[in-house]
């Protein structure tokens, strides 16, 4: 699958999450174009939300959480989003970045260094067992 395919799929799930959020916060919107800070902004709460889709987790059993790309802090290490939402192909799990970090620390997880599909550079990321990570979720819904 190409980077463009991944991006298109990601946008689909961002819209799904946005629709759920707008039921309670109608002014929420997806940020157009590239935004390093978050995918969805909720003006009523003045917070951002990052949406991640990891469909491969259905087969690998792991969720990928990046924290460095091309020797620079990224993703979990630099996020300004109040919440991260992961879609695993079946359900959405809601987390704060701190809860994700707590899961990593509590379980003594080591990171991996690899180049993902479409990446020009190597990244450092945790491969967290999906069931383990989702046991830390604030909320899980379909």
N, C-alpha and C. Protein backbone atom coordinates (compact mmCIF):
# COMPACT_ATOMS: atom_id res chain seq x y z
N UNK A 1 0.84 -1.18 0.00
CA UNK A 1 0.00 0.00 0.00
C UNK A 1 0.89 1.24 0.00
N UNK A 2 0.54 2.23 -0.77
CA UNK A 2 1.35 3.44 -0.89
C UNK A 2 1.06 4.41 0.26
N UNK A 3 1.92 5.42 0.39
CA UNK A 3 1.72 6.47 1.38
C UNK A 3 0.39 7.17 1.13
N UNK A 4 0.07 7.41 -0.15
CA UNK A 4 -1.18 8.09 -0.51
C UNK A 4 -2.39 7.25 -0.10
N UNK A 5 -2.30 5.93 -0.27
CA UNK A 5 -3.38 5.05 0.16
C UNK A 5 -3.55 5.12 1.68
N UNK A 6 -2.42 5.06 2.40
CA UNK A 6 -2.47 5.15 3.86
C UNK A 6 -3.08 6.47 4.30
N UNK A 7 -2.71 7.56 3.62
CA UNK A 7 -3.24 8.87 3.95
C UNK A 7 -4.74 8.93 3.74
N UNK A 8 -5.21 8.39 2.63
CA UNK A 8 -6.64 8.36 2.33
C UNK A 8 -7.41 7.56 3.38
N UNK A 9 -6.88 6.42 3.75
CA UNK A 9 -7.52 5.59 4.78
C UNK A 9 -7.54 6.33 6.11
N UNK A 10 -6.41 6.96 6.44
CA UNK A 10 -6.34 7.73 7.68
C UNK A 10 -7.37 8.84 7.73
N UNK A 11 -7.55 9.55 6.62
CA UNK A 11 -8.54 10.62 6.56
C UNK A 11 -9.96 10.08 6.78
N UNK A 12 -10.22 8.89 6.25
CA UNK A 12 -11.54 8.27 6.45
C UNK A 12 -11.82 8.08 7.95
N UNK A 13 -10.84 7.56 8.67
CA UNK A 13 -11.04 7.31 10.10
C UNK A 13 -11.04 8.60 10.91
N UNK A 14 -10.32 9.60 10.46
CA UNK A 14 -10.41 10.91 11.11
C UNK A 14 -11.84 11.42 11.03
N UNK A 15 -12.47 11.28 9.86
CA UNK A 15 -13.85 11.73 9.69
C UNK A 15 -14.81 10.94 10.57
N UNK A 16 -14.56 9.63 10.71
CA UNK A 16 -15.40 8.81 11.59
C UNK A 16 -15.32 9.33 13.04
N UNK A 17 -14.10 9.59 13.50
CA UNK A 17 -13.92 10.10 14.86
C UNK A 17 -14.55 11.48 14.98
N UNK A 18 -14.35 12.33 13.97
CA UNK A 18 -14.94 13.66 14.00
C UNK A 18 -16.46 13.59 14.17
N UNK A 19 -17.11 12.71 13.42
CA UNK A 19 -18.58 12.58 13.54
C UNK A 19 -18.98 12.21 14.96
N UNK A 20 -18.24 11.35 15.60
CA UNK A 20 -18.54 10.98 17.00
C UNK A 20 -18.37 12.18 17.93
N UNK A 21 -17.29 12.94 17.73
CA UNK A 21 -17.02 14.10 18.57
C UNK A 21 -18.07 15.17 18.35
N UNK A 22 -18.48 15.39 17.10
CA UNK A 22 -19.45 16.44 16.80
C UNK A 22 -20.82 16.18 17.40
N UNK A 23 -21.11 14.97 17.78
CA UNK A 23 -22.38 14.70 18.47
C UNK A 23 -22.44 15.47 19.78
N UNK A 24 -21.29 15.67 20.39
CA UNK A 24 -21.22 16.39 21.66
C UNK A 24 -20.66 17.80 21.50
N UNK A 25 -19.74 17.95 20.55
CA UNK A 25 -19.07 19.24 20.32
C UNK A 25 -19.18 19.59 18.85
N UNK A 26 -20.29 20.23 18.46
CA UNK A 26 -20.57 20.45 17.04
C UNK A 26 -19.59 21.36 16.30
N UNK A 27 -18.79 22.14 16.99
CA UNK A 27 -17.84 23.02 16.33
C UNK A 27 -16.52 22.32 15.98
N UNK A 28 -16.35 21.10 16.42
CA UNK A 28 -15.11 20.36 16.13
C UNK A 28 -14.92 20.21 14.64
N UNK A 29 -13.65 20.20 14.22
CA UNK A 29 -13.36 20.07 12.79
C UNK A 29 -12.02 19.39 12.56
N UNK A 30 -11.89 18.78 11.37
CA UNK A 30 -10.61 18.21 10.95
C UNK A 30 -9.75 19.34 10.42
N UNK A 31 -8.49 19.32 10.75
CA UNK A 31 -7.55 20.34 10.28
C UNK A 31 -7.19 20.02 8.84
N UNK A 32 -7.34 20.98 7.95
CA UNK A 32 -6.99 20.78 6.54
C UNK A 32 -5.48 20.76 6.36
N UNK A 33 -5.02 19.91 5.46
CA UNK A 33 -3.59 19.84 5.17
C UNK A 33 -2.82 19.20 6.31
N UNK A 34 -1.51 19.35 6.26
CA UNK A 34 -0.65 18.76 7.26
C UNK A 34 -0.63 19.61 8.52
N UNK A 35 -0.88 18.98 9.65
CA UNK A 35 -0.79 19.66 10.94
C UNK A 35 -0.06 18.72 11.88
N UNK A 36 1.13 19.11 12.29
CA UNK A 36 1.95 18.27 13.16
C UNK A 36 1.31 18.07 14.53
N UNK A 37 0.51 19.04 14.97
CA UNK A 37 0.01 19.03 16.33
C UNK A 37 -1.17 18.07 16.56
N UNK A 38 -2.09 17.98 15.59
CA UNK A 38 -3.27 17.14 15.76
C UNK A 38 -4.05 17.05 14.46
N UNK A 39 -5.00 16.12 14.43
CA UNK A 39 -5.85 15.92 13.25
C UNK A 39 -7.19 16.61 13.39
N UNK A 40 -7.69 16.67 14.61
CA UNK A 40 -9.01 17.25 14.89
C UNK A 40 -8.84 18.29 15.99
N UNK A 41 -9.53 19.43 15.81
CA UNK A 41 -9.52 20.45 16.85
C UNK A 41 -10.93 20.63 17.37
N UNK A 42 -11.05 20.74 18.70
CA UNK A 42 -12.34 20.91 19.36
C UNK A 42 -12.34 22.28 20.05
N UNK A 43 -12.89 23.31 19.36
CA UNK A 43 -12.85 24.66 19.92
C UNK A 43 -13.54 24.78 21.28
N UNK A 44 -14.62 24.04 21.46
CA UNK A 44 -15.36 24.12 22.73
C UNK A 44 -14.48 23.74 23.92
N UNK A 45 -13.50 22.88 23.70
CA UNK A 45 -12.61 22.43 24.78
C UNK A 45 -11.19 22.99 24.64
N UNK A 46 -10.92 23.61 23.48
CA UNK A 46 -9.59 24.13 23.16
C UNK A 46 -8.54 23.02 23.23
N UNK A 47 -8.86 21.88 22.60
CA UNK A 47 -7.93 20.75 22.57
C UNK A 47 -7.84 20.16 21.17
N UNK A 48 -6.76 19.46 20.92
CA UNK A 48 -6.58 18.73 19.68
C UNK A 48 -6.60 17.24 19.95
N UNK A 49 -6.94 16.49 18.91
CA UNK A 49 -7.03 15.03 18.98
C UNK A 49 -6.27 14.44 17.80
N UNK A 50 -5.42 13.49 18.08
CA UNK A 50 -4.66 12.77 17.05
C UNK A 50 -5.38 11.45 16.78
N UNK A 51 -5.56 11.11 15.51
CA UNK A 51 -6.24 9.87 15.13
C UNK A 51 -5.24 8.97 14.40
N UNK A 52 -5.13 7.74 14.86
CA UNK A 52 -4.21 6.77 14.26
C UNK A 52 -5.00 5.53 13.86
N UNK A 53 -4.74 5.05 12.66
CA UNK A 53 -5.33 3.81 12.19
C UNK A 53 -4.21 2.79 12.01
N UNK A 54 -4.33 1.67 12.67
CA UNK A 54 -3.31 0.62 12.55
C UNK A 54 -4.02 -0.69 12.20
N UNK A 55 -4.42 -0.79 10.94
CA UNK A 55 -5.14 -1.97 10.47
C UNK A 55 -4.28 -3.24 10.53
N UNK A 56 -2.96 -3.08 10.37
CA UNK A 56 -2.08 -4.24 10.42
C UNK A 56 -2.12 -4.91 11.78
N UNK A 57 -2.56 -4.17 12.80
CA UNK A 57 -2.60 -4.75 14.14
C UNK A 57 -3.55 -5.95 14.21
N UNK A 58 -4.48 -6.03 13.26
CA UNK A 58 -5.37 -7.21 13.22
C UNK A 58 -4.56 -8.48 12.98
N UNK A 59 -3.42 -8.33 12.28
CA UNK A 59 -2.59 -9.48 11.93
C UNK A 59 -1.36 -9.60 12.83
N UNK A 60 -0.77 -8.44 13.18
CA UNK A 60 0.46 -8.48 13.97
C UNK A 60 0.19 -8.55 15.47
N UNK A 61 -0.98 -8.03 15.88
CA UNK A 61 -1.29 -7.97 17.30
C UNK A 61 -0.65 -6.78 17.99
N UNK A 62 0.06 -5.94 17.23
CA UNK A 62 0.78 -4.80 17.80
C UNK A 62 0.31 -3.48 17.20
N UNK A 63 0.34 -2.44 18.03
CA UNK A 63 0.11 -1.06 17.60
C UNK A 63 1.48 -0.38 17.55
N UNK A 64 1.75 0.33 16.46
CA UNK A 64 3.02 1.04 16.30
C UNK A 64 2.86 2.46 16.83
N UNK A 65 3.77 2.85 17.74
CA UNK A 65 3.76 4.20 18.28
C UNK A 65 5.15 4.81 18.12
N UNK A 66 5.25 5.71 17.16
CA UNK A 66 6.52 6.36 16.84
C UNK A 66 6.84 7.45 17.86
N UNK A 67 8.15 7.62 18.13
CA UNK A 67 8.57 8.73 18.97
C UNK A 67 9.81 9.45 18.43
N UNK A 68 10.41 8.91 17.35
CA UNK A 68 11.54 9.59 16.71
C UNK A 68 11.56 9.24 15.23
N UNK A 69 11.84 10.24 14.40
CA UNK A 69 11.96 10.03 12.96
C UNK A 69 13.14 10.83 12.45
N UNK A 70 14.02 10.17 11.71
CA UNK A 70 15.20 10.83 11.15
C UNK A 70 16.03 11.51 12.24
N UNK A 71 16.18 10.83 13.36
CA UNK A 71 16.98 11.30 14.50
C UNK A 71 16.40 12.54 15.19
N UNK A 72 15.10 12.81 14.97
CA UNK A 72 14.45 13.94 15.61
C UNK A 72 13.21 13.46 16.35
N UNK A 73 12.94 14.04 17.53
CA UNK A 73 11.72 13.66 18.26
C UNK A 73 10.49 13.86 17.37
N UNK A 74 9.55 12.96 17.48
CA UNK A 74 8.32 13.05 16.68
C UNK A 74 7.18 12.37 17.42
N UNK A 75 6.00 12.48 16.86
CA UNK A 75 4.80 11.77 17.30
C UNK A 75 4.62 11.84 18.83
N UNK A 76 4.73 10.72 19.51
CA UNK A 76 4.47 10.68 20.95
C UNK A 76 5.39 11.62 21.73
N UNK A 77 6.61 11.81 21.27
CA UNK A 77 7.57 12.67 21.98
C UNK A 77 7.26 14.15 21.81
N UNK A 78 6.53 14.52 20.78
CA UNK A 78 6.29 15.95 20.51
C UNK A 78 4.82 16.33 20.46
N UNK A 79 3.93 15.38 20.67
CA UNK A 79 2.51 15.65 20.49
C UNK A 79 2.01 16.78 21.37
N UNK A 80 1.09 17.57 20.82
CA UNK A 80 0.39 18.60 21.57
C UNK A 80 -1.09 18.22 21.72
N UNK A 81 -1.45 17.07 21.18
CA UNK A 81 -2.84 16.60 21.25
C UNK A 81 -3.17 16.16 22.68
N UNK A 82 -4.37 16.47 23.10
CA UNK A 82 -4.83 16.05 24.43
C UNK A 82 -5.19 14.56 24.44
N UNK A 83 -5.65 14.07 23.30
CA UNK A 83 -6.04 12.66 23.19
C UNK A 83 -5.51 12.06 21.91
N UNK A 84 -5.23 10.78 21.96
CA UNK A 84 -4.92 9.98 20.78
C UNK A 84 -6.00 8.92 20.69
N UNK A 85 -6.51 8.73 19.48
CA UNK A 85 -7.52 7.72 19.22
C UNK A 85 -6.92 6.72 18.23
N UNK A 86 -6.89 5.45 18.62
CA UNK A 86 -6.39 4.39 17.74
C UNK A 86 -7.56 3.57 17.22
N UNK A 87 -7.57 3.34 15.91
CA UNK A 87 -8.52 2.41 15.31
C UNK A 87 -7.74 1.18 14.89
N UNK A 88 -8.13 0.02 15.39
CA UNK A 88 -7.39 -1.22 15.11
C UNK A 88 -8.02 -2.07 14.02
N UNK A 89 -9.01 -1.51 13.34
CA UNK A 89 -9.73 -2.26 12.32
C UNK A 89 -11.08 -2.74 12.81
N UNK A 90 -11.28 -2.69 14.14
CA UNK A 90 -12.55 -3.10 14.73
C UNK A 90 -13.12 -2.06 15.68
N UNK A 91 -12.29 -1.54 16.57
CA UNK A 91 -12.76 -0.60 17.59
C UNK A 91 -11.81 0.59 17.69
N UNK A 92 -12.34 1.65 18.31
CA UNK A 92 -11.56 2.85 18.60
C UNK A 92 -11.21 2.84 20.08
N UNK A 93 -9.94 3.07 20.39
CA UNK A 93 -9.49 3.22 21.77
C UNK A 93 -9.02 4.64 21.98
N UNK A 94 -9.47 5.26 23.07
CA UNK A 94 -9.13 6.65 23.39
C UNK A 94 -8.11 6.67 24.52
N UNK A 95 -7.05 7.48 24.33
CA UNK A 95 -5.95 7.55 25.29
C UNK A 95 -5.47 8.99 25.42
N UNK A 96 -4.88 9.32 26.56
CA UNK A 96 -4.07 10.53 26.65
C UNK A 96 -2.65 10.10 26.31
N UNK A 97 -1.81 11.02 25.84
CA UNK A 97 -0.42 10.65 25.61
C UNK A 97 0.25 10.11 26.88
N UNK A 98 -0.10 10.67 28.04
CA UNK A 98 0.50 10.20 29.29
C UNK A 98 0.12 8.75 29.57
N UNK A 99 -1.10 8.37 29.27
CA UNK A 99 -1.52 6.97 29.49
C UNK A 99 -0.70 6.03 28.60
N UNK A 100 -0.45 6.45 27.36
CA UNK A 100 0.37 5.63 26.46
C UNK A 100 1.78 5.48 27.04
N UNK A 101 2.34 6.59 27.51
CA UNK A 101 3.67 6.55 28.12
C UNK A 101 3.69 5.67 29.37
N UNK A 102 2.63 5.73 30.15
CA UNK A 102 2.52 4.89 31.34
C UNK A 102 2.49 3.41 30.97
N UNK A 103 1.76 3.06 29.92
CA UNK A 103 1.71 1.69 29.44
C UNK A 103 3.12 1.22 29.06
N UNK A 104 3.85 2.06 28.36
CA UNK A 104 5.21 1.72 27.93
C UNK A 104 6.11 1.50 29.14
N UNK A 105 6.04 2.42 30.11
CA UNK A 105 6.88 2.33 31.32
C UNK A 105 6.48 1.15 32.19
N UNK A 106 5.17 1.02 32.44
CA UNK A 106 4.68 -0.07 33.30
C UNK A 106 5.14 -1.44 32.80
N UNK A 107 5.23 -1.58 31.50
CA UNK A 107 5.52 -2.88 30.91
C UNK A 107 6.96 -3.02 30.42
N UNK A 108 7.79 -2.03 30.74
CA UNK A 108 9.22 -2.09 30.40
C UNK A 108 9.49 -2.36 28.94
N UNK A 109 8.73 -1.70 28.06
CA UNK A 109 8.84 -1.98 26.63
C UNK A 109 10.07 -1.34 26.02
N UNK A 110 10.69 -2.06 25.09
CA UNK A 110 11.82 -1.55 24.33
C UNK A 110 11.32 -1.07 22.97
N UNK A 111 12.03 -0.14 22.39
CA UNK A 111 11.65 0.37 21.08
C UNK A 111 12.39 -0.40 19.98
N UNK A 112 11.90 -0.21 18.77
CA UNK A 112 12.50 -0.81 17.58
C UNK A 112 12.89 0.31 16.63
N UNK A 113 13.89 0.05 15.81
CA UNK A 113 14.31 0.99 14.78
C UNK A 113 14.03 0.34 13.43
N UNK A 114 13.26 1.02 12.60
CA UNK A 114 12.91 0.46 11.29
C UNK A 114 12.47 1.58 10.36
N UNK A 115 12.38 1.24 9.10
CA UNK A 115 11.89 2.16 8.07
C UNK A 115 10.54 1.61 7.61
N UNK A 116 9.48 2.40 7.79
CA UNK A 116 8.15 1.97 7.40
C UNK A 116 7.91 2.17 5.91
N UNK A 117 6.85 1.56 5.41
CA UNK A 117 6.47 1.75 4.00
C UNK A 117 6.28 3.24 3.72
N UNK A 118 6.93 3.72 2.70
CA UNK A 118 6.81 5.12 2.32
C UNK A 118 7.73 6.06 3.08
N UNK A 119 8.43 5.57 4.10
CA UNK A 119 9.35 6.41 4.86
C UNK A 119 10.66 6.59 4.11
N UNK A 120 11.20 7.78 4.17
CA UNK A 120 12.52 8.04 3.59
C UNK A 120 13.62 7.76 4.61
N UNK A 121 13.27 7.84 5.90
CA UNK A 121 14.27 7.71 6.96
C UNK A 121 13.79 6.67 7.99
N UNK A 122 14.72 6.30 8.85
CA UNK A 122 14.38 5.36 9.92
C UNK A 122 13.62 6.07 11.03
N UNK A 123 12.85 5.27 11.74
CA UNK A 123 12.10 5.78 12.88
C UNK A 123 12.39 4.89 14.08
N UNK A 124 12.15 5.43 15.25
CA UNK A 124 12.14 4.66 16.48
C UNK A 124 10.69 4.61 16.92
N UNK A 125 10.24 3.41 17.25
CA UNK A 125 8.84 3.25 17.64
C UNK A 125 8.68 2.06 18.57
N UNK A 126 7.65 2.12 19.35
CA UNK A 126 7.27 0.99 20.18
C UNK A 126 6.26 0.16 19.41
N UNK A 127 6.38 -1.14 19.51
CA UNK A 127 5.37 -2.06 18.99
C UNK A 127 4.68 -2.61 20.24
N UNK A 128 3.53 -2.05 20.54
CA UNK A 128 2.83 -2.38 21.78
C UNK A 128 1.73 -3.38 21.49
N UNK A 129 1.73 -4.47 22.24
CA UNK A 129 0.67 -5.46 22.11
C UNK A 129 -0.67 -4.75 22.23
N UNK A 130 -1.52 -4.97 21.23
CA UNK A 130 -2.81 -4.26 21.15
C UNK A 130 -3.66 -4.49 22.40
N UNK A 131 -3.76 -5.72 22.85
CA UNK A 131 -4.59 -5.99 24.02
C UNK A 131 -4.03 -5.30 25.26
N UNK A 132 -2.70 -5.28 25.38
CA UNK A 132 -2.07 -4.59 26.50
C UNK A 132 -2.40 -3.10 26.44
N UNK A 133 -2.16 -2.48 25.28
CA UNK A 133 -2.42 -1.04 25.15
C UNK A 133 -3.89 -0.73 25.41
N UNK A 134 -4.78 -1.48 24.80
CA UNK A 134 -6.21 -1.18 24.93
C UNK A 134 -6.72 -1.41 26.35
N UNK A 135 -5.98 -2.18 27.15
CA UNK A 135 -6.38 -2.34 28.56
C UNK A 135 -6.18 -1.03 29.33
N UNK A 136 -5.41 -0.09 28.79
CA UNK A 136 -5.19 1.22 29.39
C UNK A 136 -6.15 2.28 28.85
N UNK A 137 -6.96 1.94 27.89
CA UNK A 137 -7.83 2.91 27.21
C UNK A 137 -8.79 3.59 28.18
N UNK A 138 -9.05 4.86 27.94
CA UNK A 138 -10.07 5.60 28.68
C UNK A 138 -11.45 5.15 28.27
N UNK A 139 -11.57 4.85 26.97
CA UNK A 139 -12.86 4.46 26.41
C UNK A 139 -12.58 3.62 25.16
N UNK A 140 -13.42 2.64 24.94
CA UNK A 140 -13.36 1.85 23.70
C UNK A 140 -14.77 1.84 23.13
N UNK A 141 -14.85 2.17 21.83
CA UNK A 141 -16.16 2.11 21.17
C UNK A 141 -15.98 1.75 19.71
N UNK A 142 -17.10 1.34 19.09
CA UNK A 142 -17.01 0.96 17.67
C UNK A 142 -17.39 2.10 16.78
